[in-house]
Amino acid sequence: MNSEEKNSKVNNKFTIIDDILFLILITLISITAISIVWQRYFLPDKIPDILGYKFFMVLDGKMDKSISYGDLLITRNVDPNDLSKEDVVAFRNNTNRVTVHRVEDITSDEDGRVFVMQTTSNEVGDTKYVHDSQVEGIIIHRIPKLGAILIKYQEPPIFLAILFVVVIIGCAVYYFAWKLDKKEMEVISHT
């Protein structure tokens, strides 16, 4: 077996591996999208999660001091019994919007555990007392300003334009890879 045949076999293995990795990636993206759509349809009162993680964009600056407008927050689903003082949590406030504050104290009332949240004095209608059922998750990571960028790109025309560009680039890359593979096969068949 000459070196060209060995190279051809190695290239064919890499092509197969690339195709398998591409299919795995597309499958994971599809499963994630289907999961989110399913959760939104069948659990309309819940915020969709991806393997127990939820993502929130900060739309105002009235939350915890460590969080600013435009940040992207990543939360992990958590058993409210595992929360303690100083944890920063996302929860449903009295107006059913998701808010983020630090746990100041933990008490109880006739309905069970109550988290006393740190709030600012200028917040109108904010929630100071949060029950277990209102907790959406604990903040595990903050990506500064990424939420502000995502907010702009979620507008339907911009989102569709980005999606269109990504699909075109993906098709072009796949086409050129296919052409290169075809040329390689022709070279090998002529030798």
N, C-alpha and C. Protein backbone atom coordinates (compact mmCIF):
# COMPACT_ATOMS: atom_id res chain seq x y z
N MET A 1 0.85 -1.17 0.00
CA MET A 1 0.00 0.00 0.00
C MET A 1 0.90 1.24 0.00
N ASN A 2 0.67 2.11 -0.98
CA ASN A 2 1.52 3.31 -1.05
C ASN A 2 1.00 4.41 -0.13
N SER A 3 1.77 5.49 -0.06
CA SER A 3 1.43 6.57 0.88
C SER A 3 0.14 7.30 0.49
N GLU A 4 -0.16 7.38 -0.80
CA GLU A 4 -1.40 8.04 -1.22
C GLU A 4 -2.62 7.26 -0.75
N GLU A 5 -2.55 5.93 -0.85
CA GLU A 5 -3.67 5.10 -0.39
C GLU A 5 -3.85 5.21 1.12
N LYS A 6 -2.71 5.27 1.86
CA LYS A 6 -2.79 5.44 3.31
C LYS A 6 -3.43 6.79 3.66
N ASN A 7 -2.98 7.86 2.95
CA ASN A 7 -3.56 9.19 3.19
C ASN A 7 -5.05 9.20 2.86
N SER A 8 -5.43 8.51 1.80
CA SER A 8 -6.84 8.46 1.41
C SER A 8 -7.68 7.80 2.50
N LYS A 9 -7.18 6.69 3.06
CA LYS A 9 -7.90 6.00 4.12
C LYS A 9 -8.01 6.87 5.36
N VAL A 10 -6.94 7.58 5.70
CA VAL A 10 -6.96 8.48 6.86
C VAL A 10 -7.95 9.60 6.62
N ASN A 11 -7.93 10.20 5.41
CA ASN A 11 -8.87 11.28 5.08
C ASN A 11 -10.31 10.79 5.12
N ASN A 12 -10.55 9.57 4.64
CA ASN A 12 -11.91 9.02 4.69
C ASN A 12 -12.38 8.84 6.13
N LYS A 13 -11.47 8.41 7.02
CA LYS A 13 -11.82 8.27 8.44
C LYS A 13 -12.17 9.63 9.03
N PHE A 14 -11.38 10.67 8.70
CA PHE A 14 -11.67 12.00 9.22
C PHE A 14 -12.99 12.53 8.67
N THR A 15 -13.29 12.24 7.41
CA THR A 15 -14.55 12.67 6.82
C THR A 15 -15.72 12.01 7.54
N ILE A 16 -15.59 10.74 7.83
CA ILE A 16 -16.65 10.02 8.55
C ILE A 16 -16.81 10.60 9.95
N ILE A 17 -15.70 10.86 10.64
CA ILE A 17 -15.75 11.45 11.99
C ILE A 17 -16.39 12.83 11.94
N ASP A 18 -16.00 13.65 10.95
CA ASP A 18 -16.61 14.98 10.80
C ASP A 18 -18.12 14.88 10.59
N ASP A 19 -18.54 13.95 9.75
CA ASP A 19 -19.97 13.78 9.49
C ASP A 19 -20.71 13.34 10.76
N ILE A 20 -20.11 12.42 11.51
CA ILE A 20 -20.74 11.95 12.73
C ILE A 20 -20.84 13.09 13.75
N LEU A 21 -19.76 13.87 13.91
CA LEU A 21 -19.79 15.00 14.84
C LEU A 21 -20.83 16.04 14.42
N PHE A 22 -20.93 16.28 13.12
CA PHE A 22 -21.92 17.23 12.61
C PHE A 22 -23.33 16.73 12.93
N LEU A 23 -23.59 15.45 12.71
CA LEU A 23 -24.91 14.88 13.00
C LEU A 23 -25.23 14.93 14.49
N ILE A 24 -24.23 14.66 15.33
CA ILE A 24 -24.44 14.74 16.78
C ILE A 24 -24.79 16.16 17.18
N LEU A 25 -24.06 17.14 16.63
CA LEU A 25 -24.33 18.55 16.95
C LEU A 25 -25.74 18.95 16.51
N ILE A 26 -26.11 18.60 15.30
CA ILE A 26 -27.45 18.93 14.79
C ILE A 26 -28.52 18.23 15.64
N THR A 27 -28.27 17.00 16.04
CA THR A 27 -29.23 16.26 16.87
C THR A 27 -29.40 16.94 18.23
N LEU A 28 -28.29 17.34 18.86
CA LEU A 28 -28.37 18.02 20.15
C LEU A 28 -29.11 19.35 20.05
N ILE A 29 -28.84 20.12 19.01
CA ILE A 29 -29.54 21.39 18.81
C ILE A 29 -31.03 21.14 18.59
N SER A 30 -31.36 20.13 17.80
CA SER A 30 -32.76 19.80 17.53
C SER A 30 -33.49 19.35 18.79
N ILE A 31 -32.85 18.49 19.57
CA ILE A 31 -33.47 18.01 20.81
C ILE A 31 -33.69 19.17 21.77
N THR A 32 -32.70 20.07 21.88
CA THR A 32 -32.84 21.24 22.75
C THR A 32 -34.00 22.11 22.29
N ALA A 33 -34.09 22.38 20.99
CA ALA A 33 -35.18 23.22 20.47
C ALA A 33 -36.53 22.57 20.70
N ILE A 34 -36.63 21.27 20.44
CA ILE A 34 -37.89 20.56 20.65
C ILE A 34 -38.27 20.57 22.13
N SER A 35 -37.28 20.38 23.00
CA SER A 35 -37.53 20.40 24.44
C SER A 35 -38.07 21.75 24.89
N ILE A 36 -37.47 22.83 24.40
CA ILE A 36 -37.92 24.17 24.78
C ILE A 36 -39.34 24.42 24.28
N VAL A 37 -39.60 24.07 23.03
CA VAL A 37 -40.95 24.26 22.48
C VAL A 37 -41.95 23.41 23.25
N TRP A 38 -41.61 22.16 23.55
CA TRP A 38 -42.51 21.29 24.31
C TRP A 38 -42.81 21.89 25.68
N GLN A 39 -41.76 22.37 26.38
CA GLN A 39 -41.96 22.96 27.70
C GLN A 39 -42.84 24.21 27.62
N ARG A 40 -42.63 25.05 26.61
CA ARG A 40 -43.43 26.27 26.47
C ARG A 40 -44.90 25.93 26.19
N TYR A 41 -45.13 24.86 25.44
CA TYR A 41 -46.50 24.49 25.07
C TYR A 41 -47.23 23.79 26.21
N PHE A 42 -46.57 22.79 26.82
CA PHE A 42 -47.24 21.97 27.83
C PHE A 42 -47.08 22.49 29.26
N LEU A 43 -46.12 23.36 29.48
CA LEU A 43 -45.91 23.94 30.82
C LEU A 43 -45.83 25.46 30.68
N PRO A 44 -46.92 26.11 30.29
CA PRO A 44 -46.86 27.54 29.99
C PRO A 44 -46.53 28.42 31.19
N ASP A 45 -46.76 27.93 32.41
CA ASP A 45 -46.46 28.72 33.60
C ASP A 45 -45.02 28.57 34.06
N LYS A 46 -44.26 27.68 33.43
CA LYS A 46 -42.88 27.44 33.81
C LYS A 46 -41.94 28.05 32.78
N ILE A 47 -40.78 28.42 33.24
CA ILE A 47 -39.75 28.91 32.32
C ILE A 47 -38.97 27.70 31.82
N PRO A 48 -38.83 27.53 30.50
CA PRO A 48 -38.13 26.36 29.98
C PRO A 48 -36.69 26.29 30.49
N ASP A 49 -36.24 25.06 30.74
CA ASP A 49 -34.85 24.88 31.12
C ASP A 49 -34.19 23.90 30.16
N ILE A 50 -32.88 23.94 30.15
CA ILE A 50 -32.09 23.03 29.34
C ILE A 50 -31.24 22.24 30.32
N LEU A 51 -31.61 20.98 30.54
CA LEU A 51 -30.93 20.09 31.47
C LEU A 51 -30.79 20.71 32.86
N GLY A 52 -31.83 21.42 33.29
CA GLY A 52 -31.84 22.00 34.62
C GLY A 52 -31.25 23.40 34.72
N TYR A 53 -30.88 23.99 33.60
CA TYR A 53 -30.32 25.34 33.58
C TYR A 53 -31.28 26.28 32.85
N LYS A 54 -31.40 27.49 33.39
CA LYS A 54 -32.24 28.51 32.77
C LYS A 54 -31.39 29.75 32.52
N PHE A 55 -31.79 30.51 31.52
CA PHE A 55 -31.04 31.71 31.14
C PHE A 55 -31.98 32.91 31.23
N PHE A 56 -31.50 33.98 31.86
CA PHE A 56 -32.29 35.19 32.01
C PHE A 56 -31.48 36.40 31.57
N MET A 57 -32.14 37.33 30.90
CA MET A 57 -31.52 38.61 30.55
C MET A 57 -32.02 39.66 31.52
N VAL A 58 -31.10 40.44 32.06
CA VAL A 58 -31.47 41.47 33.02
C VAL A 58 -31.99 42.68 32.24
N LEU A 59 -33.25 43.03 32.49
CA LEU A 59 -33.91 44.09 31.74
C LEU A 59 -34.00 45.41 32.50
N ASP A 60 -33.62 45.41 33.77
CA ASP A 60 -33.53 46.67 34.51
C ASP A 60 -32.40 46.56 35.53
N GLY A 61 -32.03 47.66 36.11
CA GLY A 61 -30.88 47.68 37.01
C GLY A 61 -31.25 47.66 38.47
N LYS A 62 -32.44 47.17 38.83
CA LYS A 62 -32.91 47.25 40.20
C LYS A 62 -32.73 45.93 40.96
N MET A 63 -31.85 45.08 40.50
CA MET A 63 -31.69 43.79 41.15
C MET A 63 -30.49 43.84 42.09
N ASP A 64 -29.89 42.71 42.36
CA ASP A 64 -28.75 42.63 43.25
C ASP A 64 -27.62 43.55 42.75
N LYS A 65 -26.83 44.10 43.69
CA LYS A 65 -25.76 45.04 43.32
C LYS A 65 -24.73 44.45 42.36
N SER A 66 -24.55 43.13 42.40
CA SER A 66 -23.54 42.49 41.55
C SER A 66 -24.05 42.26 40.13
N ILE A 67 -25.29 42.63 39.86
CA ILE A 67 -25.92 42.38 38.57
C ILE A 67 -26.31 43.71 37.94
N SER A 68 -26.03 43.86 36.64
CA SER A 68 -26.33 45.11 35.94
C SER A 68 -27.27 44.87 34.77
N TYR A 69 -27.86 45.96 34.29
CA TYR A 69 -28.71 45.89 33.09
C TYR A 69 -27.91 45.28 31.94
N GLY A 70 -28.54 44.37 31.22
CA GLY A 70 -27.93 43.77 30.05
C GLY A 70 -27.11 42.52 30.33
N ASP A 71 -26.95 42.13 31.58
CA ASP A 71 -26.21 40.90 31.88
C ASP A 71 -27.06 39.68 31.51
N LEU A 72 -26.39 38.60 31.16
CA LEU A 72 -27.05 37.32 30.95
C LEU A 72 -26.76 36.48 32.18
N LEU A 73 -27.80 35.99 32.82
CA LEU A 73 -27.65 35.19 34.03
C LEU A 73 -27.96 33.73 33.72
N ILE A 74 -27.12 32.86 34.24
CA ILE A 74 -27.34 31.42 34.10
C ILE A 74 -27.71 30.90 35.48
N THR A 75 -28.87 30.25 35.57
CA THR A 75 -29.31 29.70 36.84
C THR A 75 -29.39 28.19 36.73
N ARG A 76 -29.32 27.56 37.88
CA ARG A 76 -29.47 26.11 37.96
C ARG A 76 -30.70 25.84 38.84
N ASN A 77 -31.53 24.90 38.41
CA ASN A 77 -32.66 24.52 39.24
C ASN A 77 -32.11 24.05 40.59
N VAL A 78 -32.81 24.42 41.65
CA VAL A 78 -32.32 24.09 42.99
C VAL A 78 -33.51 23.75 43.88
N ASP A 79 -33.28 22.84 44.79
CA ASP A 79 -34.28 22.55 45.81
C ASP A 79 -34.25 23.73 46.78
N PRO A 80 -35.37 24.41 46.98
CA PRO A 80 -35.38 25.57 47.87
C PRO A 80 -34.85 25.26 49.28
N ASN A 81 -34.92 24.00 49.71
CA ASN A 81 -34.39 23.62 51.02
C ASN A 81 -32.87 23.74 51.08
N ASP A 82 -32.22 23.75 49.91
CA ASP A 82 -30.76 23.86 49.86
C ASP A 82 -30.28 25.31 49.83
N LEU A 83 -31.20 26.26 49.74
CA LEU A 83 -30.82 27.67 49.70
C LEU A 83 -30.44 28.17 51.09
N SER A 84 -29.51 29.11 51.12
CA SER A 84 -29.10 29.69 52.40
C SER A 84 -28.95 31.20 52.25
N LYS A 85 -28.71 31.86 53.36
CA LYS A 85 -28.51 33.31 53.33
C LYS A 85 -27.36 33.64 52.39
N GLU A 86 -27.48 34.78 51.72
CA GLU A 86 -26.48 35.32 50.79
C GLU A 86 -26.53 34.67 49.40
N ASP A 87 -27.33 33.62 49.19
CA ASP A 87 -27.48 33.07 47.84
C ASP A 87 -28.23 34.09 46.99
N VAL A 88 -27.85 34.20 45.72
CA VAL A 88 -28.55 35.07 44.79
C VAL A 88 -29.45 34.17 43.95
N VAL A 89 -30.76 34.45 44.01
CA VAL A 89 -31.72 33.56 43.35
C VAL A 89 -32.63 34.33 42.40
N ALA A 90 -33.10 33.60 41.41
CA ALA A 90 -34.14 34.12 40.50
C ALA A 90 -35.46 33.57 41.02
N PHE A 91 -36.48 34.44 41.06
CA PHE A 91 -37.78 34.03 41.58
C PHE A 91 -38.88 34.82 40.89
N ARG A 92 -40.09 34.29 40.98
CA ARG A 92 -41.27 34.99 40.46
C ARG A 92 -41.71 36.00 41.51
N ASN A 93 -41.82 37.27 41.10
CA ASN A 93 -42.26 38.28 42.07
C ASN A 93 -43.78 38.34 42.12
N ASN A 94 -44.31 39.30 42.85
CA ASN A 94 -45.77 39.40 43.02
C ASN A 94 -46.52 39.69 41.73
N THR A 95 -45.83 40.21 40.72
CA THR A 95 -46.47 40.48 39.42
C THR A 95 -46.18 39.37 38.42
N ASN A 96 -45.63 38.23 38.91
CA ASN A 96 -45.32 37.05 38.11
C ASN A 96 -44.17 37.25 37.13
N ARG A 97 -43.34 38.26 37.36
CA ARG A 97 -42.14 38.45 36.54
C ARG A 97 -40.95 37.89 37.30
N VAL A 98 -39.94 37.44 36.57
CA VAL A 98 -38.75 36.90 37.22
C VAL A 98 -37.88 38.06 37.69
N THR A 99 -37.47 37.98 38.94
CA THR A 99 -36.63 38.98 39.57
C THR A 99 -35.46 38.26 40.21
N VAL A 100 -34.36 38.97 40.41
CA VAL A 100 -33.18 38.38 41.04
C VAL A 100 -32.79 39.23 42.24
N HIS A 101 -32.67 38.58 43.40
CA HIS A 101 -32.21 39.25 44.61
C HIS A 101 -31.43 38.26 45.47
N ARG A 102 -30.73 38.82 46.43
CA ARG A 102 -29.97 38.03 47.39
C ARG A 102 -30.89 37.67 48.57
N VAL A 103 -30.72 36.44 49.08
CA VAL A 103 -31.49 36.00 50.25
C VAL A 103 -30.88 36.69 51.47
N GLU A 104 -31.72 37.46 52.15
CA GLU A 104 -31.28 38.19 53.34
C GLU A 104 -31.51 37.37 54.61
N ASP A 105 -32.61 36.62 54.63
CA ASP A 105 -32.94 35.82 55.80
C ASP A 105 -33.91 34.72 55.37
N ILE A 106 -34.02 33.68 56.19
CA ILE A 106 -34.96 32.59 55.91
C ILE A 106 -35.82 32.41 57.15
N THR A 107 -37.13 32.50 56.96
CA THR A 107 -38.07 32.34 58.07
C THR A 107 -39.16 31.37 57.62
N SER A 108 -40.26 31.37 58.31
CA SER A 108 -41.39 30.54 57.88
C SER A 108 -42.69 31.21 58.30
N ASP A 109 -43.75 30.82 57.62
CA ASP A 109 -45.09 31.28 57.97
C ASP A 109 -46.03 30.09 57.84
N GLU A 110 -47.32 30.33 57.86
CA GLU A 110 -48.28 29.22 57.80
C GLU A 110 -48.21 28.43 56.49
N ASP A 111 -47.63 29.04 55.42
CA ASP A 111 -47.50 28.34 54.13
C ASP A 111 -46.17 27.62 53.96
N GLY A 112 -45.25 27.74 54.91
CA GLY A 112 -43.96 27.06 54.81
C GLY A 112 -42.79 28.03 54.87
N ARG A 113 -41.67 27.64 54.26
CA ARG A 113 -40.46 28.46 54.27
C ARG A 113 -40.69 29.77 53.51
N VAL A 114 -40.05 30.82 54.03
CA VAL A 114 -40.13 32.13 53.38
C VAL A 114 -38.73 32.70 53.32
N PHE A 115 -38.35 33.14 52.12
CA PHE A 115 -37.06 33.79 51.93
C PHE A 115 -37.28 35.29 51.97
N VAL A 116 -36.56 35.96 52.84
CA VAL A 116 -36.63 37.41 52.92
C VAL A 116 -35.55 37.94 51.98
N MET A 117 -35.96 38.69 50.96
CA MET A 117 -35.04 39.12 49.92
C MET A 117 -34.56 40.56 50.16
N GLN A 118 -33.32 40.82 49.77
CA GLN A 118 -32.81 42.19 49.81
C GLN A 118 -33.44 42.93 48.63
N THR A 119 -34.07 44.03 48.92
CA THR A 119 -34.66 44.83 47.85
C THR A 119 -34.22 46.27 48.04
N THR A 120 -34.39 47.05 46.99
CA THR A 120 -34.06 48.47 47.09
C THR A 120 -35.32 49.25 47.43
N SER A 121 -35.15 50.38 48.06
CA SER A 121 -36.31 51.15 48.53
C SER A 121 -37.13 51.76 47.40
N ASN A 122 -36.55 51.90 46.20
CA ASN A 122 -37.29 52.55 45.12
C ASN A 122 -38.07 51.57 44.25
N GLU A 123 -38.07 50.30 44.59
CA GLU A 123 -38.77 49.32 43.77
C GLU A 123 -40.25 49.30 44.13
N VAL A 124 -41.06 49.57 43.15
CA VAL A 124 -42.51 49.59 43.35
C VAL A 124 -43.04 48.19 43.05
N GLY A 125 -43.82 47.66 43.99
CA GLY A 125 -44.43 46.36 43.77
C GLY A 125 -43.45 45.21 43.80
N ASP A 126 -42.25 45.44 44.35
CA ASP A 126 -41.28 44.36 44.39
C ASP A 126 -41.64 43.38 45.49
N THR A 127 -41.07 42.21 45.43
CA THR A 127 -41.38 41.15 46.36
C THR A 127 -40.29 41.06 47.42
N LYS A 128 -40.65 41.25 48.65
CA LYS A 128 -39.70 41.15 49.76
C LYS A 128 -39.70 39.73 50.32
N TYR A 129 -40.86 39.05 50.30
CA TYR A 129 -40.99 37.72 50.87
C TYR A 129 -41.32 36.72 49.77
N VAL A 130 -40.51 35.66 49.66
CA VAL A 130 -40.63 34.69 48.57
C VAL A 130 -40.82 33.30 49.16
N HIS A 131 -41.83 32.57 48.66
CA HIS A 131 -42.06 31.19 49.08
C HIS A 131 -41.33 30.22 48.15
N ASP A 132 -41.17 28.99 48.61
CA ASP A 132 -40.47 27.95 47.83
C ASP A 132 -40.97 27.85 46.40
N SER A 133 -42.28 27.92 46.23
CA SER A 133 -42.88 27.72 44.91
C SER A 133 -42.52 28.83 43.93
N GLN A 134 -42.05 29.97 44.42
CA GLN A 134 -41.71 31.09 43.55
C GLN A 134 -40.27 31.04 43.05
N VAL A 135 -39.44 30.18 43.64
CA VAL A 135 -38.02 30.12 43.29
C VAL A 135 -37.84 29.47 41.93
N GLU A 136 -37.11 30.16 41.04
CA GLU A 136 -36.82 29.63 39.70
C GLU A 136 -35.45 28.98 39.62
N GLY A 137 -34.50 29.43 40.44
CA GLY A 137 -33.17 28.84 40.42
C GLY A 137 -32.15 29.72 41.11
N ILE A 138 -30.98 29.17 41.33
CA ILE A 138 -29.89 29.90 41.95
C ILE A 138 -28.94 30.39 40.85
N ILE A 139 -28.46 31.61 40.98
CA ILE A 139 -27.55 32.17 39.97
C ILE A 139 -26.19 31.49 40.11
N ILE A 140 -25.71 30.90 39.01
CA ILE A 140 -24.40 30.25 39.06
C ILE A 140 -23.35 30.99 38.23
N HIS A 141 -23.83 31.83 37.28
CA HIS A 141 -22.87 32.56 36.45
C HIS A 141 -23.53 33.79 35.86
N ARG A 142 -22.73 34.83 35.69
CA ARG A 142 -23.20 36.08 35.08
C ARG A 142 -22.25 36.43 33.95
N ILE A 143 -22.81 36.70 32.78
CA ILE A 143 -22.00 37.13 31.64
C ILE A 143 -22.37 38.59 31.38
N PRO A 144 -21.46 39.51 31.73
CA PRO A 144 -21.78 40.94 31.61
C PRO A 144 -22.11 41.34 30.18
N LYS A 145 -23.19 42.09 30.02
CA LYS A 145 -23.63 42.75 28.79
C LYS A 145 -24.05 41.82 27.66
N LEU A 146 -23.88 40.52 27.78
CA LEU A 146 -24.30 39.62 26.70
C LEU A 146 -25.82 39.66 26.52
N GLY A 147 -26.55 39.83 27.60
CA GLY A 147 -28.01 39.93 27.51
C GLY A 147 -28.45 41.12 26.68
N ALA A 148 -27.74 42.26 26.82
CA ALA A 148 -28.09 43.46 26.04
C ALA A 148 -27.92 43.19 24.54
N ILE A 149 -26.88 42.46 24.20
CA ILE A 149 -26.65 42.11 22.79
C ILE A 149 -27.76 41.18 22.30
N LEU A 150 -28.08 40.17 23.11
CA LEU A 150 -29.12 39.21 22.73
C LEU A 150 -30.49 39.86 22.63
N ILE A 151 -30.76 40.86 23.48
CA ILE A 151 -32.04 41.56 23.43
C ILE A 151 -32.21 42.21 22.06
N LYS A 152 -31.15 42.81 21.54
CA LYS A 152 -31.23 43.46 20.22
C LYS A 152 -31.44 42.45 19.11
N TYR A 153 -30.79 41.28 19.24
CA TYR A 153 -30.85 40.29 18.18
C TYR A 153 -32.09 39.41 18.24
N GLN A 154 -32.93 39.58 19.25
CA GLN A 154 -34.14 38.76 19.29
C GLN A 154 -35.30 39.38 18.52
N GLU A 155 -35.10 40.59 18.00
CA GLU A 155 -36.12 41.20 17.14
C GLU A 155 -36.31 40.29 15.92
N PRO A 156 -37.55 39.98 15.54
CA PRO A 156 -37.78 39.01 14.46
C PRO A 156 -37.00 39.26 13.17
N PRO A 157 -36.96 40.49 12.61
CA PRO A 157 -36.21 40.65 11.36
C PRO A 157 -34.71 40.39 11.53
N ILE A 158 -34.15 40.84 12.65
CA ILE A 158 -32.72 40.63 12.88
C ILE A 158 -32.45 39.15 13.10
N PHE A 159 -33.29 38.49 13.89
CA PHE A 159 -33.12 37.07 14.16
C PHE A 159 -33.20 36.26 12.86
N LEU A 160 -34.18 36.56 12.02
CA LEU A 160 -34.32 35.84 10.76
C LEU A 160 -33.12 36.09 9.84
N ALA A 161 -32.61 37.31 9.82
CA ALA A 161 -31.44 37.62 9.00
C ALA A 161 -30.23 36.83 9.49
N ILE A 162 -30.02 36.79 10.80
CA ILE A 162 -28.89 36.03 11.35
C ILE A 162 -29.05 34.55 11.04
N LEU A 163 -30.25 34.02 11.24
CA LEU A 163 -30.51 32.62 10.94
C LEU A 163 -30.24 32.32 9.47
N PHE A 164 -30.67 33.20 8.59
CA PHE A 164 -30.45 33.03 7.15
C PHE A 164 -28.95 33.00 6.84
N VAL A 165 -28.19 33.92 7.40
CA VAL A 165 -26.74 33.97 7.17
C VAL A 165 -26.07 32.70 7.68
N VAL A 166 -26.45 32.24 8.87
CA VAL A 166 -25.86 31.02 9.42
C VAL A 166 -26.16 29.82 8.53
N VAL A 167 -27.39 29.71 8.05
CA VAL A 167 -27.76 28.59 7.18
C VAL A 167 -26.97 28.66 5.87
N ILE A 168 -26.84 29.84 5.29
CA ILE A 168 -26.09 30.00 4.03
C ILE A 168 -24.62 29.62 4.24
N ILE A 169 -24.03 30.12 5.31
CA ILE A 169 -22.62 29.80 5.58
C ILE A 169 -22.45 28.30 5.81
N GLY A 170 -23.37 27.70 6.59
CA GLY A 170 -23.31 26.26 6.83
C GLY A 170 -23.41 25.46 5.55
N CYS A 171 -24.33 25.83 4.68
CA CYS A 171 -24.49 25.13 3.39
C CYS A 171 -23.25 25.31 2.51
N ALA A 172 -22.69 26.52 2.50
CA ALA A 172 -21.49 26.78 1.70
C ALA A 172 -20.32 25.95 2.19
N VAL A 173 -20.12 25.90 3.50
CA VAL A 173 -19.02 25.11 4.05
C VAL A 173 -19.21 23.63 3.72
N TYR A 174 -20.42 23.14 3.89
CA TYR A 174 -20.69 21.74 3.58
C TYR A 174 -20.47 21.45 2.09
N TYR A 175 -20.90 22.37 1.22
CA TYR A 175 -20.72 22.20 -0.23
C TYR A 175 -19.24 22.16 -0.60
N PHE A 176 -18.46 23.10 -0.07
CA PHE A 176 -17.03 23.13 -0.40
C PHE A 176 -16.31 21.90 0.15
N ALA A 177 -16.70 21.43 1.31
CA ALA A 177 -16.09 20.21 1.86
C ALA A 177 -16.43 19.02 0.96
N TRP A 178 -17.67 18.98 0.48
CA TRP A 178 -18.08 17.90 -0.42
C TRP A 178 -17.27 17.95 -1.72
N LYS A 179 -17.07 19.18 -2.28
CA LYS A 179 -16.30 19.32 -3.52
C LYS A 179 -14.85 18.87 -3.31
N LEU A 180 -14.26 19.23 -2.19
CA LEU A 180 -12.88 18.81 -1.90
C LEU A 180 -12.79 17.30 -1.78
N ASP A 181 -13.76 16.69 -1.10
CA ASP A 181 -13.77 15.23 -0.98
C ASP A 181 -13.91 14.58 -2.36
N LYS A 182 -14.74 15.17 -3.21
CA LYS A 182 -14.96 14.63 -4.55
C LYS A 182 -13.66 14.71 -5.37
N LYS A 183 -12.95 15.85 -5.28
CA LYS A 183 -11.68 16.00 -6.00
C LYS A 183 -10.66 14.99 -5.51
N GLU A 184 -10.58 14.79 -4.20
CA GLU A 184 -9.66 13.81 -3.65
C GLU A 184 -9.95 12.42 -4.18
N MET A 185 -11.21 12.07 -4.25
CA MET A 185 -11.61 10.74 -4.75
C MET A 185 -11.25 10.59 -6.23
N GLU A 186 -11.39 11.67 -7.00
CA GLU A 186 -11.00 11.61 -8.42
C GLU A 186 -9.50 11.42 -8.57
N VAL A 187 -8.73 12.11 -7.77
CA VAL A 187 -7.27 11.98 -7.82
C VAL A 187 -6.86 10.56 -7.46
N ILE A 188 -7.50 10.02 -6.44
CA ILE A 188 -7.16 8.66 -6.00
C ILE A 188 -7.56 7.64 -7.06
N SER A 189 -8.70 7.84 -7.69
CA SER A 189 -9.16 6.87 -8.69
C SER A 189 -8.30 6.90 -9.96
N HIS A 190 -7.65 8.05 -10.23
CA HIS A 190 -6.78 8.14 -11.41
C HIS A 190 -5.39 7.60 -11.16
N THR A 191 -5.05 7.34 -9.92
CA THR A 191 -3.71 6.81 -9.64
C THR A 191 -3.67 5.32 -9.59
